[in-house]
Amino acid sequence: MRGDRRQIQTAVLGSADSEEPLMLPLEAIELDAFRRRHQLDTFWCGLLLGGCGAQLTTKLYTDRVCSLSSPAC
């Protein structure tokens, strides 16, 4: 069986139980601006969105859609 390769595109700001959702840009050029805009923020797999509650990091790709990831998700 192959591993789950879904890409995470949604998160919440500040903590796992936050009610402030956001969508990650899909293109690499947009992700750079997103990172600058949110340089002091933390991203979480939101519990209210049905997520696992783990902290997420942005992943920049030029050959596929950018995503958020965590070893826990």
Protein backbone atom coordinates (compact mmCIF):
# COMPACT_ATOMS: atom_id res chain seq x y z
CA MET A 1 0.00 0.00 0.00
CA ARG A 2 1.39 3.41 -0.96
CA GLY A 3 1.68 6.22 1.63
CA ASP A 4 -0.85 9.01 1.82
CA ARG A 5 0.42 11.81 -0.44
CA ARG A 6 -2.37 14.36 0.08
CA GLN A 7 -1.26 17.99 0.13
CA ILE A 8 -2.45 20.21 3.00
CA GLN A 9 -3.68 23.59 1.71
CA THR A 10 -5.65 24.92 4.70
CA ALA A 11 -4.52 25.82 8.20
CA VAL A 12 -5.40 28.05 11.13
CA LEU A 13 -3.26 30.80 12.65
CA GLY A 14 -1.80 30.86 16.15
CA SER A 15 -2.91 27.58 17.72
CA ALA A 16 -4.62 24.29 16.92
CA ASP A 17 -7.96 25.52 18.31
CA SER A 18 -7.90 28.84 16.45
CA GLU A 19 -10.96 30.00 14.51
CA GLU A 20 -8.83 32.00 12.02
CA PRO A 21 -8.47 29.84 8.87
CA LEU A 22 -6.25 30.57 5.89
CA MET A 23 -5.51 29.06 2.50
CA LEU A 24 -1.95 28.54 1.31
CA PRO A 25 -1.13 29.93 -2.14
CA LEU A 26 -0.60 27.24 -4.76
CA GLU A 27 2.19 28.89 -6.76
CA ALA A 28 5.80 29.26 -5.60
CA ILE A 29 5.96 32.97 -6.46
CA GLU A 30 2.88 33.62 -4.30
CA LEU A 31 4.29 31.56 -1.42
CA ASP A 32 7.26 33.91 -1.03
CA ALA A 33 4.92 36.87 -0.45
CA PHE A 34 2.74 34.74 1.88
CA ARG A 35 5.79 33.84 3.99
CA ARG A 36 6.82 37.49 4.27
CA ARG A 37 3.28 38.53 5.24
CA HIS A 38 3.08 35.81 7.91
CA GLN A 39 6.70 35.71 9.09
CA LEU A 40 5.70 36.05 12.77
CA ASP A 41 2.70 33.67 12.57
CA THR A 42 2.47 29.95 13.26
CA PHE A 43 0.29 27.62 11.20
CA TRP A 44 -1.67 24.70 12.63
CA CYS A 45 -3.70 21.75 11.41
CA GLY A 46 -6.93 23.15 12.88
CA LEU A 47 -9.01 21.01 15.20
CA LEU A 48 -12.19 22.86 14.21
CA LEU A 49 -11.42 22.01 10.57
CA GLY A 50 -11.15 18.30 11.44
CA GLY A 51 -7.33 18.33 11.60
CA CYS A 52 -4.88 16.63 13.94
CA GLY A 53 -3.76 19.77 15.83
CA ALA A 54 -0.10 19.61 14.76
CA GLN A 55 1.98 22.67 13.88
CA LEU A 56 2.54 23.02 10.13
CA THR A 57 5.34 24.43 7.99
CA THR A 58 5.18 25.71 4.43
CA LYS A 59 6.73 23.67 1.64
CA LEU A 60 7.84 25.45 -1.52
CA TYR A 61 7.83 23.42 -4.73
CA THR A 62 8.40 24.60 -8.28
CA ASP A 63 7.34 21.34 -9.94
CA ARG A 64 4.03 20.87 -8.08
CA VAL A 65 1.55 22.67 -5.83
CA CYS A 66 3.02 24.26 -2.68
CA SER A 67 1.69 22.80 0.58
CA LEU A 68 1.77 22.78 4.35
CA SER A 69 3.22 19.79 6.13
CA SER A 70 3.91 18.21 9.50
CA PRO A 71 5.43 14.87 10.49
CA ALA A 72 2.31 14.30 12.63
CA CYS A 73 -0.26 14.70 9.82
